[in-house]
């Protein structure tokens, strides 16, 4: 009885390896197009956004600080906040999504 179950459970004689390779290839393609590629595009857009920021632009940091860019240095911004306060932040701390959302609310 056990022998007949084991014989029935064996893989088919042909095409098993090919099917597995096709399945793995499709799985890799899905991961690339739905996970890796969008993340790379988002990182590229964020980099372009921080490079285009100029003095006087209104920005929001990842931590939620709102202010205007007073000075731009190599990889940092000096952000002017209410009552003349000036804070130094890294360019990577500027949130593209929050800045665009806040700018949209100010103009609307």
PDB file of N, CA and C in Angstrom:
ATOM      1  N   UNK A   1       0.823  -1.195   0.000  1.00  0.00           N
ATOM      2  CA  UNK A   1       0.000   0.000   0.000  1.00  0.00           C
ATOM      3  C   UNK A   1       0.868   1.260   0.000  1.00  0.00           C
ATOM      4  N   UNK A   2       1.845   1.319   0.913  1.00  0.00           N
ATOM      5  CA  UNK A   2       2.706   2.500   0.977  1.00  0.00           C
ATOM      6  C   UNK A   2       3.510   2.631  -0.304  1.00  0.00           C
ATOM      7  N   UNK A   3       3.940   1.501  -0.848  1.00  0.00           N
ATOM      8  CA  UNK A   3       4.713   1.542  -2.080  1.00  0.00           C
ATOM      9  C   UNK A   3       3.893   2.147  -3.229  1.00  0.00           C
ATOM     10  N   UNK A   4       2.637   1.823  -3.340  1.00  0.00           N
ATOM     11  CA  UNK A   4       1.798   2.368  -4.411  1.00  0.00           C
ATOM     12  C   UNK A   4       1.579   3.869  -4.234  1.00  0.00           C
ATOM     13  N   UNK A   5       1.510   4.370  -2.988  1.00  0.00           N
ATOM     14  CA  UNK A   5       1.367   5.817  -2.736  1.00  0.00           C
ATOM     15  C   UNK A   5       2.638   6.543  -3.154  1.00  0.00           C
ATOM     16  N   UNK A   6       3.789   5.983  -2.832  1.00  0.00           N
ATOM     17  CA  UNK A   6       5.052   6.606  -3.206  1.00  0.00           C
ATOM     18  C   UNK A   6       5.243   6.635  -4.712  1.00  0.00           C
ATOM     19  N   UNK A   7       4.826   5.591  -5.395  1.00  0.00           N
ATOM     20  CA  UNK A   7       4.944   5.544  -6.842  1.00  0.00           C
ATOM     21  C   UNK A   7       4.050   6.607  -7.479  1.00  0.00           C
ATOM     22  N   UNK A   8       2.851   6.820  -6.945  1.00  0.00           N
ATOM     23  CA  UNK A   8       1.934   7.822  -7.486  1.00  0.00           C
ATOM     24  C   UNK A   8       2.406   9.239  -7.197  1.00  0.00           C
ATOM     25  N   UNK A   9       3.163   9.443  -6.125  1.00  0.00           N
ATOM     26  CA  UNK A   9       3.596  10.774  -5.740  1.00  0.00           C
ATOM     27  C   UNK A   9       4.836  11.243  -6.490  1.00  0.00           C
ATOM     28  N   UNK A  10       5.440  10.397  -7.298  1.00  0.00           N
ATOM     29  CA  UNK A  10       6.643  10.787  -8.013  1.00  0.00           C
ATOM     30  C   UNK A  10       6.309  11.827  -9.076  1.00  0.00           C
ATOM     31  N   UNK A  11       7.294  12.672  -9.362  1.00  0.00           N
ATOM     32  CA  UNK A  11       7.123  13.734 -10.361  1.00  0.00           C
ATOM     33  C   UNK A  11       6.977  13.133 -11.748  1.00  0.00           C
ATOM     34  N   UNK A  12       6.323  13.838 -12.651  1.00  0.00           N
ATOM     35  CA  UNK A  12       6.185  13.351 -14.020  1.00  0.00           C
ATOM     36  C   UNK A  12       7.557  13.186 -14.672  1.00  0.00           C
ATOM     37  N   UNK A  13       7.625  12.322 -15.666  1.00  0.00           N
ATOM     38  CA  UNK A  13       8.903  11.954 -16.273  1.00  0.00           C
ATOM     39  C   UNK A  13       9.540  13.091 -17.067  1.00  0.00           C
ATOM     40  N   UNK A  14       8.777  13.980 -17.651  1.00  0.00           N
ATOM     41  CA  UNK A  14       9.363  15.026 -18.486  1.00  0.00           C
ATOM     42  C   UNK A  14       8.745  16.385 -18.217  1.00  0.00           C
ATOM     43  N   UNK A  15       9.540  17.432 -18.432  1.00  0.00           N
ATOM     44  CA  UNK A  15       9.007  18.792 -18.338  1.00  0.00           C
ATOM     45  C   UNK A  15       8.969  19.375 -16.943  1.00  0.00           C
ATOM     46  N   UNK A  16       9.320  18.648 -15.929  1.00  0.00           N
ATOM     47  CA  UNK A  16       9.270  19.165 -14.564  1.00  0.00           C
ATOM     48  C   UNK A  16      10.268  20.284 -14.339  1.00  0.00           C
ATOM     49  N   UNK A  17      11.488  20.103 -14.822  1.00  0.00           N
ATOM     50  CA  UNK A  17      12.534  21.100 -14.647  1.00  0.00           C
ATOM     51  C   UNK A  17      12.218  22.364 -15.446  1.00  0.00           C
ATOM     52  N   UNK A  18      11.744  22.185 -16.659  1.00  0.00           N
ATOM     53  CA  UNK A  18      11.395  23.322 -17.500  1.00  0.00           C
ATOM     54  C   UNK A  18      10.275  24.148 -16.874  1.00  0.00           C
ATOM     55  N   UNK A  19       9.282  23.489 -16.364  1.00  0.00           N
ATOM     56  CA  UNK A  19       8.169  24.187 -15.714  1.00  0.00           C
ATOM     57  C   UNK A  19       8.651  24.953 -14.499  1.00  0.00           C
ATOM     58  N   UNK A  20       9.519  24.348 -13.720  1.00  0.00           N
ATOM     59  CA  UNK A  20      10.039  25.022 -12.531  1.00  0.00           C
ATOM     60  C   UNK A  20      10.872  26.243 -12.908  1.00  0.00           C
ATOM     61  N   UNK A  21      11.683  26.127 -13.941  1.00  0.00           N
ATOM     62  CA  UNK A  21      12.490  27.266 -14.390  1.00  0.00           C
ATOM     63  C   UNK A  21      11.617  28.405 -14.908  1.00  0.00           C
ATOM     64  N   UNK A  22      10.576  28.052 -15.654  1.00  0.00           N
ATOM     65  CA  UNK A  22       9.656  29.089 -16.139  1.00  0.00           C
ATOM     66  C   UNK A  22       8.943  29.777 -14.985  1.00  0.00           C
ATOM     67  N   UNK A  23       8.531  28.988 -14.005  1.00  0.00           N
ATOM     68  CA  UNK A  23       7.859  29.553 -12.836  1.00  0.00           C
ATOM     69  C   UNK A  23       8.798  30.485 -12.064  1.00  0.00           C
ATOM     70  N   UNK A  24      10.047  30.078 -11.872  1.00  0.00           N
ATOM     71  CA  UNK A  24      11.020  30.914 -11.160  1.00  0.00           C
ATOM     72  C   UNK A  24      11.299  32.195 -11.942  1.00  0.00           C
ATOM     73  N   UNK A  25      11.396  32.081 -13.267  1.00  0.00           N
ATOM     74  CA  UNK A  25      11.615  33.266 -14.099  1.00  0.00           C
ATOM     75  C   UNK A  25      10.447  34.237 -14.002  1.00  0.00           C
ATOM     76  N   UNK A  26       9.238  33.700 -14.022  1.00  0.00           N
ATOM     77  CA  UNK A  26       8.052  34.556 -13.893  1.00  0.00           C
ATOM     78  C   UNK A  26       8.000  35.206 -12.519  1.00  0.00           C
ATOM     79  N   UNK A  27       8.370  34.491 -11.491  1.00  0.00           N
ATOM     80  CA  UNK A  27       8.384  35.030 -10.137  1.00  0.00           C
ATOM     81  C   UNK A  27       9.402  36.166 -10.003  1.00  0.00           C
ATOM     82  N   UNK A  28      10.571  35.983 -10.576  1.00  0.00           N
ATOM     83  CA  UNK A  28      11.593  37.036 -10.558  1.00  0.00           C
ATOM     84  C   UNK A  28      11.106  38.259 -11.318  1.00  0.00           C
ATOM     85  N   UNK A  29      10.482  38.065 -12.456  1.00  0.00           N
ATOM     86  CA  UNK A  29       9.956  39.185 -13.239  1.00  0.00           C
ATOM     87  C   UNK A  29       8.892  39.960 -12.461  1.00  0.00           C
ATOM     88  N   UNK A  30       8.013  39.251 -11.774  1.00  0.00           N
ATOM     89  CA  UNK A  30       6.979  39.907 -10.975  1.00  0.00           C
ATOM     90  C   UNK A  30       7.611  40.729  -9.866  1.00  0.00           C
ATOM     91  N   UNK A  31       8.588  40.156  -9.162  1.00  0.00           N
ATOM     92  CA  UNK A  31       9.274  40.895  -8.111  1.00  0.00           C
ATOM     93  C   UNK A  31       9.941  42.145  -8.669  1.00  0.00           C
ATOM     94  N   UNK A  32      10.587  42.030  -9.817  1.00  0.00           N
ATOM     95  CA  UNK A  32      11.273  43.173 -10.403  1.00  0.00           C
ATOM     96  C   UNK A  32      10.289  44.280 -10.778  1.00  0.00           C
ATOM     97  N   UNK A  33       9.228  43.947 -11.505  1.00  0.00           N
ATOM     98  CA  UNK A  33       8.327  44.978 -12.009  1.00  0.00           C
ATOM     99  C   UNK A  33       7.397  45.551 -10.952  1.00  0.00           C
ATOM    100  N   UNK A  34       7.102  44.805  -9.891  1.00  0.00           N
ATOM    101  CA  UNK A  34       6.184  45.312  -8.884  1.00  0.00           C
ATOM    102  C   UNK A  34       6.864  45.783  -7.601  1.00  0.00           C
ATOM    103  N   UNK A  35       8.137  45.446  -7.387  1.00  0.00           N
ATOM    104  CA  UNK A  35       8.789  45.846  -6.146  1.00  0.00           C
ATOM    105  C   UNK A  35      10.084  46.615  -6.378  1.00  0.00           C
ATOM    106  N   UNK A  36      10.984  46.098  -7.150  1.00  0.00           N
ATOM    107  CA  UNK A  36      12.304  46.709  -7.304  1.00  0.00           C
ATOM    108  C   UNK A  36      12.246  47.953  -8.185  1.00  0.00           C
ATOM    109  N   UNK A  37      11.639  47.840  -9.340  1.00  0.00           N
ATOM    110  CA  UNK A  37      11.605  48.958 -10.285  1.00  0.00           C
ATOM    111  C   UNK A  37      10.878  50.184  -9.731  1.00  0.00           C
ATOM    112  N   UNK A  38       9.702  50.045  -9.100  1.00  0.00           N
ATOM    113  CA  UNK A  38       9.054  51.232  -8.537  1.00  0.00           C
ATOM    114  C   UNK A  38       9.885  51.896  -7.429  1.00  0.00           C
ATOM    115  N   UNK A  39      10.590  51.099  -6.637  1.00  0.00           N
ATOM    116  CA  UNK A  39      11.433  51.661  -5.582  1.00  0.00           C
ATOM    117  C   UNK A  39      12.594  52.439  -6.187  1.00  0.00           C
ATOM    118  N   UNK A  40      13.193  51.930  -7.252  1.00  0.00           N
ATOM    119  CA  UNK A  40      14.275  52.647  -7.924  1.00  0.00           C
ATOM    120  C   UNK A  40      13.767  53.953  -8.529  1.00  0.00           C
ATOM    121  N   UNK A  41      12.568  53.927  -9.104  1.00  0.00           N
ATOM    122  CA  UNK A  41      11.988  55.136  -9.689  1.00  0.00           C
ATOM    123  C   UNK A  41      11.707  56.177  -8.608  1.00  0.00           C
ATOM    124  N   UNK A  42      11.199  55.734  -7.471  1.00  0.00           N
ATOM    125  CA  UNK A  42      10.918  56.653  -6.373  1.00  0.00           C
ATOM    126  C   UNK A  42      12.202  57.294  -5.859  1.00  0.00           C
ATOM    127  N   UNK A  43      13.265  56.521  -5.728  1.00  0.00           N
ATOM    128  CA  UNK A  43      14.550  57.054  -5.267  1.00  0.00           C
ATOM    129  C   UNK A  43      15.111  58.056  -6.274  1.00  0.00           C
ATOM    130  N   UNK A  44      14.953  57.769  -7.554  1.00  0.00           N
ATOM    131  CA  UNK A  44      15.421  58.682  -8.596  1.00  0.00           C
ATOM    132  C   UNK A  44      14.629  59.989  -8.564  1.00  0.00           C
ATOM    133  N   UNK A  45      13.314  59.910  -8.397  1.00  0.00           N
ATOM    134  CA  UNK A  45      12.473  61.109  -8.308  1.00  0.00           C
ATOM    135  C   UNK A  45      12.816  61.942  -7.075  1.00  0.00           C
ATOM    136  N   UNK A  46      13.079  61.282  -5.938  1.00  0.00           N
ATOM    137  CA  UNK A  46      13.446  61.993  -4.706  1.00  0.00           C
ATOM    138  C   UNK A  46      14.764  62.734  -4.893  1.00  0.00           C
ATOM    139  N   UNK A  47      15.742  62.090  -5.540  1.00  0.00           N
ATOM    140  CA  UNK A  47      17.036  62.723  -5.778  1.00  0.00           C
ATOM    141  C   UNK A  47      16.874  63.936  -6.690  1.00  0.00           C
ATOM    142  N   UNK A  48      16.091  63.786  -7.746  1.00  0.00           N
ATOM    143  CA  UNK A  48      15.850  64.892  -8.671  1.00  0.00           C
ATOM    144  C   UNK A  48      15.154  66.041  -7.946  1.00  0.00           C
ATOM    145  N   UNK A  49      14.194  65.711  -7.079  1.00  0.00           N
ATOM    146  CA  UNK A  49      13.464  66.723  -6.317  1.00  0.00           C
ATOM    147  C   UNK A  49      14.408  67.527  -5.419  1.00  0.00           C
ATOM    148  N   UNK A  50      15.294  66.852  -4.695  1.00  0.00           N
ATOM    149  CA  UNK A  50      16.203  67.569  -3.801  1.00  0.00           C
ATOM    150  C   UNK A  50      17.231  68.399  -4.565  1.00  0.00           C
ATOM    151  N   UNK A  51      17.605  67.948  -5.760  1.00  0.00           N
ATOM    152  CA  UNK A  51      18.544  68.724  -6.570  1.00  0.00           C
ATOM    153  C   UNK A  51      17.902  69.988  -7.137  1.00  0.00           C
ATOM    154  N   UNK A  52      16.573  69.979  -7.337  1.00  0.00           N
ATOM    155  CA  UNK A  52      15.884  71.124  -7.930  1.00  0.00           C
ATOM    156  C   UNK A  52      15.436  72.161  -6.908  1.00  0.00           C
ATOM    157  N   UNK A  53      15.561  71.858  -5.619  1.00  0.00           N
ATOM    158  CA  UNK A  53      15.141  72.817  -4.594  1.00  0.00           C
ATOM    159  C   UNK A  53      16.082  74.008  -4.626  1.00  0.00           C
ATOM    160  N   UNK A  54      15.500  75.193  -4.560  1.00  0.00           N
ATOM    161  CA  UNK A  54      16.308  76.410  -4.582  1.00  0.00           C
ATOM    162  C   UNK A  54      15.964  77.287  -3.379  1.00  0.00           C
ATOM    163  N   UNK A  55      16.732  78.306  -3.193  1.00  0.00           N
ATOM    164  CA  UNK A  55      16.542  79.222  -2.078  1.00  0.00           C
ATOM    165  C   UNK A  55      15.141  79.847  -2.146  1.00  0.00           C
ATOM    166  N   UNK A  56      14.460  79.878  -1.008  1.00  0.00           N
ATOM    167  CA  UNK A  56      13.125  80.459  -0.940  1.00  0.00           C
ATOM    168  C   UNK A  56      11.996  79.453  -1.091  1.00  0.00           C
ATOM    169  N   UNK A  57      12.301  78.236  -1.480  1.00  0.00           N
ATOM    170  CA  UNK A  57      11.269  77.198  -1.621  1.00  0.00           C
ATOM    171  C   UNK A  57      10.751  76.768  -0.257  1.00  0.00           C
ATOM    172  N   UNK A  58       9.467  76.477  -0.210  1.00  0.00           N
ATOM    173  CA  UNK A  58       8.826  75.966   0.999  1.00  0.00           C
ATOM    174  C   UNK A  58       9.001  74.465   1.019  1.00  0.00           C
ATOM    175  N   UNK A  59       9.520  73.921   2.131  1.00  0.00           N
ATOM    176  CA  UNK A  59       9.757  72.488   2.233  1.00  0.00           C
ATOM    177  C   UNK A  59       9.223  71.949   3.552  1.00  0.00           C
ATOM    178  N   UNK A  60       9.037  70.626   3.569  1.00  0.00           N
ATOM    179  CA  UNK A  60       8.639  69.904   4.778  1.00  0.00           C
ATOM    180  C   UNK A  60       9.636  68.762   4.943  1.00  0.00           C
ATOM    181  N   UNK A  61      10.173  68.600   6.147  1.00  0.00           N
ATOM    182  CA  UNK A  61      11.115  67.511   6.385  1.00  0.00           C
ATOM    183  C   UNK A  61      10.370  66.228   6.701  1.00  0.00           C
ATOM    184  N   UNK A  62      11.104  65.135   6.742  1.00  0.00           N
ATOM    185  CA  UNK A  62      10.531  63.843   7.082  1.00  0.00           C
ATOM    186  C   UNK A  62       9.950  63.879   8.495  1.00  0.00           C
ATOM    187  N   UNK A  63      10.580  64.650   9.378  1.00  0.00           N
ATOM    188  CA  UNK A  63      10.107  64.776  10.751  1.00  0.00           C
ATOM    189  C   UNK A  63       8.922  65.709  10.913  1.00  0.00           C
ATOM    190  N   UNK A  64       8.546  66.426   9.864  1.00  0.00           N
ATOM    191  CA  UNK A  64       7.370  67.281   9.912  1.00  0.00           C
ATOM    192  C   UNK A  64       7.664  68.757  10.075  1.00  0.00           C
ATOM    193  N   UNK A  65       8.916  69.180  10.025  1.00  0.00           N
ATOM    194  CA  UNK A  65       9.270  70.594  10.143  1.00  0.00           C
ATOM    195  C   UNK A  65       8.912  71.321   8.848  1.00  0.00           C
ATOM    196  N   UNK A  66       8.203  72.439   8.969  1.00  0.00           N
ATOM    197  CA  UNK A  66       7.827  73.259   7.823  1.00  0.00           C
ATOM    198  C   UNK A  66       8.678  74.521   7.835  1.00  0.00           C
ATOM    199  N   UNK A  67       9.167  74.932   6.673  1.00  0.00           N
ATOM    200  CA  UNK A  67       9.952  76.155   6.598  1.00  0.00           C
ATOM    201  C   UNK A  67      10.379  76.450   5.180  1.00  0.00           C
ATOM    202  N   UNK A  68      11.124  77.554   5.052  1.00  0.00           N
ATOM    203  CA  UNK A  68      11.635  77.979   3.744  1.00  0.00           C
ATOM    204  C   UNK A  68      13.143  77.782   3.713  1.00  0.00           C
ATOM    205  N   UNK A  69      13.653  77.428   2.538  1.00  0.00           N
ATOM    206  CA  UNK A  69      15.090  77.219   2.386  1.00  0.00           C
ATOM    207  C   UNK A  69      15.773  78.588   2.382  1.00  0.00           C
ATOM    208  N   UNK A  70      16.656  78.818   3.369  1.00  0.00           N
ATOM    209  CA  UNK A  70      17.381  80.074   3.462  1.00  0.00           C
ATOM    210  C   UNK A  70      18.731  79.982   2.755  1.00  0.00           C
ATOM    211  N   UNK A  71      19.407  78.857   2.908  1.00  0.00           N
ATOM    212  CA  UNK A  71      20.717  78.655   2.278  1.00  0.00           C
ATOM    213  C   UNK A  71      20.840  77.204   1.839  1.00  0.00           C
ATOM    214  N   UNK A  72      21.636  77.003   0.798  1.00  0.00           N
ATOM    215  CA  UNK A  72      21.910  75.654   0.314  1.00  0.00           C
ATOM    216  C   UNK A  72      23.415  75.456   0.348  1.00  0.00           C
ATOM    217  N   UNK A  73      23.840  74.400   1.027  1.00  0.00           N
ATOM    218  CA  UNK A  73      25.251  74.023   1.046  1.00  0.00           C
ATOM    219  C   UNK A  73      25.399  72.730   0.263  1.00  0.00           C
ATOM    220  N   UNK A  74      26.530  72.077   0.359  1.00  0.00           N
ATOM    221  CA  UNK A  74      26.796  70.869  -0.441  1.00  0.00           C
ATOM    222  C   UNK A  74      25.697  69.817  -0.301  1.00  0.00           C
ATOM    223  N   UNK A  75      25.555  69.256   0.861  1.00  0.00           N
ATOM    224  CA  UNK A  75      24.546  68.220   1.076  1.00  0.00           C
ATOM    225  C   UNK A  75      23.588  68.574   2.206  1.00  0.00           C
ATOM    226  N   UNK A  76      23.510  69.866   2.530  1.00  0.00           N
ATOM    227  CA  UNK A  76      22.611  70.325   3.594  1.00  0.00           C
ATOM    228  C   UNK A  76      21.849  71.576   3.159  1.00  0.00           C
ATOM    229  N   UNK A  77      20.738  71.796   3.853  1.00  0.00           N
ATOM    230  CA  UNK A  77      19.946  73.018   3.696  1.00  0.00           C
ATOM    231  C   UNK A  77      19.911  73.721   5.044  1.00  0.00           C
ATOM    232  N   UNK A  78      19.834  75.027   5.019  1.00  0.00           N
ATOM    233  CA  UNK A  78      19.505  75.767   6.227  1.00  0.00           C
ATOM    234  C   UNK A  78      18.080  76.249   6.021  1.00  0.00           C
ATOM    235  N   UNK A  79      17.194  75.777   6.882  1.00  0.00           N
ATOM    236  CA  UNK A  79      15.773  76.064   6.748  1.00  0.00           C
ATOM    237  C   UNK A  79      15.395  77.139   7.758  1.00  0.00           C
ATOM    238  N   UNK A  80      14.731  78.165   7.264  1.00  0.00           N
ATOM    239  CA  UNK A  80      14.265  79.242   8.127  1.00  0.00           C
ATOM    240  C   UNK A  80      12.827  78.951   8.534  1.00  0.00           C
ATOM    241  N   UNK A  81      12.597  78.941   9.841  1.00  0.00           N
ATOM    242  CA  UNK A  81      11.274  78.669  10.369  1.00  0.00           C
ATOM    243  C   UNK A  81      10.715  79.956  10.959  1.00  0.00           C
ATOM    244  N   UNK A  82       9.586  79.866  11.591  1.00  0.00           N
ATOM    245  CA  UNK A  82       8.901  81.012  12.154  1.00  0.00           C
ATOM    246  C   UNK A  82       9.805  81.837  13.077  1.00  0.00           C
ATOM    247  N   UNK A  83       9.640  83.152  13.043  1.00  0.00           N
ATOM    248  CA  UNK A  83      10.371  84.113  13.887  1.00  0.00           C
ATOM    249  C   UNK A  83      11.881  84.084  13.647  1.00  0.00           C
ATOM    250  N   UNK A  84      12.288  83.775  12.454  1.00  0.00           N
ATOM    251  CA  UNK A  84      13.696  83.866  12.089  1.00  0.00           C
ATOM    252  C   UNK A  84      14.575  82.724  12.553  1.00  0.00           C
ATOM    253  N   UNK A  85      14.018  81.699  13.117  1.00  0.00           N
ATOM    254  CA  UNK A  85      14.824  80.551  13.532  1.00  0.00           C
ATOM    255  C   UNK A  85      15.408  79.843  12.321  1.00  0.00           C
ATOM    256  N   UNK A  86      16.651  79.420  12.430  1.00  0.00           N
ATOM    257  CA  UNK A  86      17.323  78.755  11.318  1.00  0.00           C
ATOM    258  C   UNK A  86      17.840  77.409  11.792  1.00  0.00           C
ATOM    259  N   UNK A  87      17.518  76.371  11.029  1.00  0.00           N
ATOM    260  CA  UNK A  87      17.915  75.009  11.366  1.00  0.00           C
ATOM    261  C   UNK A  87      18.616  74.373  10.171  1.00  0.00           C
ATOM    262  N   UNK A  88      19.641  73.594  10.468  1.00  0.00           N
ATOM    263  CA  UNK A  88      20.408  72.932   9.413  1.00  0.00           C
ATOM    264  C   UNK A  88      19.939  71.484   9.284  1.00  0.00           C
ATOM    265  N   UNK A  89      19.579  71.095   8.069  1.00  0.00           N
ATOM    266  CA  UNK A  89      19.090  69.742   7.795  1.00  0.00           C
ATOM    267  C   UNK A  89      19.818  69.162   6.595  1.00  0.00           C
ATOM    268  N   UNK A  90      19.925  67.855   6.590  1.00  0.00           N
ATOM    269  CA  UNK A  90      20.485  67.140   5.452  1.00  0.00           C
ATOM    270  C   UNK A  90      19.480  67.168   4.302  1.00  0.00           C
ATOM    271  N   UNK A  91      19.978  67.147   3.091  1.00  0.00           N
ATOM    272  CA  UNK A  91      19.079  67.143   1.925  1.00  0.00           C
ATOM    273  C   UNK A  91      18.191  65.900   1.918  1.00  0.00           C
ATOM    274  N   UNK A  92      18.689  64.803   2.451  1.00  0.00           N
ATOM    275  CA  UNK A  92      17.901  63.576   2.457  1.00  0.00           C
ATOM    276  C   UNK A  92      16.731  63.643   3.439  1.00  0.00           C
ATOM    277  N   UNK A  93      16.692  64.659   4.299  1.00  0.00           N
ATOM    278  CA  UNK A  93      15.610  64.795   5.273  1.00  0.00           C
ATOM    279  C   UNK A  93      14.390  65.515   4.700  1.00  0.00           C
ATOM    280  N   UNK A  94      14.475  65.990   3.475  1.00  0.00           N
ATOM    281  CA  UNK A  94      13.343  66.680   2.858  1.00  0.00           C
ATOM    282  C   UNK A  94      12.411  65.640   2.253  1.00  0.00           C
ATOM    283  N   UNK A  95      11.132  65.720   2.615  1.00  0.00           N
ATOM    284  CA  UNK A  95      10.140  64.768   2.123  1.00  0.00           C
ATOM    285  C   UNK A  95       9.455  65.328   0.883  1.00  0.00           C
ATOM    286  N   UNK A  96       9.615  64.632  -0.220  1.00  0.00           N
ATOM    287  CA  UNK A  96       9.018  65.073  -1.476  1.00  0.00           C
ATOM    288  C   UNK A  96       7.498  65.042  -1.397  1.00  0.00           C
ATOM    289  N   UNK A  97       6.929  63.958  -0.861  1.00  0.00           N
ATOM    290  CA  UNK A  97       5.479  63.820  -0.808  1.00  0.00           C
ATOM    291  C   UNK A  97       4.861  64.880   0.117  1.00  0.00           C
ATOM    292  N   UNK A  98       5.435  65.061   1.292  1.00  0.00           N
ATOM    293  CA  UNK A  98       4.887  66.035   2.247  1.00  0.00           C
ATOM    294  C   UNK A  98       5.028  67.451   1.730  1.00  0.00           C
ATOM    295  N   UNK A  99       6.145  67.754   1.091  1.00  0.00           N
ATOM    296  CA  UNK A  99       6.368  69.096   0.546  1.00  0.00           C
ATOM    297  C   UNK A  99       5.356  69.404  -0.547  1.00  0.00           C
ATOM    298  N   UNK A 100       5.138  68.458  -1.442  1.00  0.00           N
ATOM    299  CA  UNK A 100       4.167  68.678  -2.531  1.00  0.00           C
ATOM    300  C   UNK A 100       2.751  68.792  -1.980  1.00  0.00           C
ATOM    301  N   UNK A 101       2.420  67.993  -0.968  1.00  0.00           N
ATOM    302  CA  UNK A 101       1.073  68.058  -0.375  1.00  0.00           C
ATOM    303  C   UNK A 101       0.872  69.390   0.342  1.00  0.00           C
ATOM    304  N   UNK A 102       1.868  69.851   1.072  1.00  0.00           N
ATOM    305  CA  UNK A 102       1.759  71.119   1.787  1.00  0.00           C
ATOM    306  C   UNK A 102       1.688  72.292   0.819  1.00  0.00           C
ATOM    307  N   UNK A 103       2.459  72.231  -0.259  1.00  0.00           N
ATOM    308  CA  UNK A 103       2.424  73.295  -1.252  1.00  0.00           C
ATOM    309  C   UNK A 103       1.072  73.330  -1.951  1.00  0.00           C
ATOM    310  N   UNK A 104       0.463  72.175  -2.171  1.00  0.00           N
ATOM    311  CA  UNK A 104      -0.844  72.110  -2.797  1.00  0.00           C
ATOM    312  C   UNK A 104      -1.920  72.713  -1.902  1.00  0.00           C
ATOM    313  N   UNK A 105      -1.815  72.521  -0.608  1.00  0.00           N
ATOM    314  CA  UNK A 105      -2.793  73.084   0.328  1.00  0.00           C
ATOM    315  C   UNK A 105      -2.645  74.585   0.462  1.00  0.00           C
ATOM    316  N   UNK A 106      -1.398  75.092   0.347  1.00  0.00           N
ATOM    317  CA  UNK A 106      -1.177  76.538   0.476  1.00  0.00           C
ATOM    318  C   UNK A 106      -1.736  77.300  -0.711  1.00  0.00           C
ATOM    319  N   UNK A 107      -1.672  76.694  -1.908  1.00  0.00           N
ATOM    320  CA  UNK A 107      -2.135  77.397  -3.099  1.00  0.00           C
ATOM    321  C   UNK A 107      -3.649  77.250  -3.286  1.00  0.00           C
ATOM    322  N   UNK A 108      -4.227  76.227  -2.706  1.00  0.00           N
ATOM    323  CA  UNK A 108      -5.655  75.972  -2.905  1.00  0.00           C
ATOM    324  C   UNK A 108      -6.506  76.842  -2.003  1.00  0.00           C
TER     325      UNK A 108
END
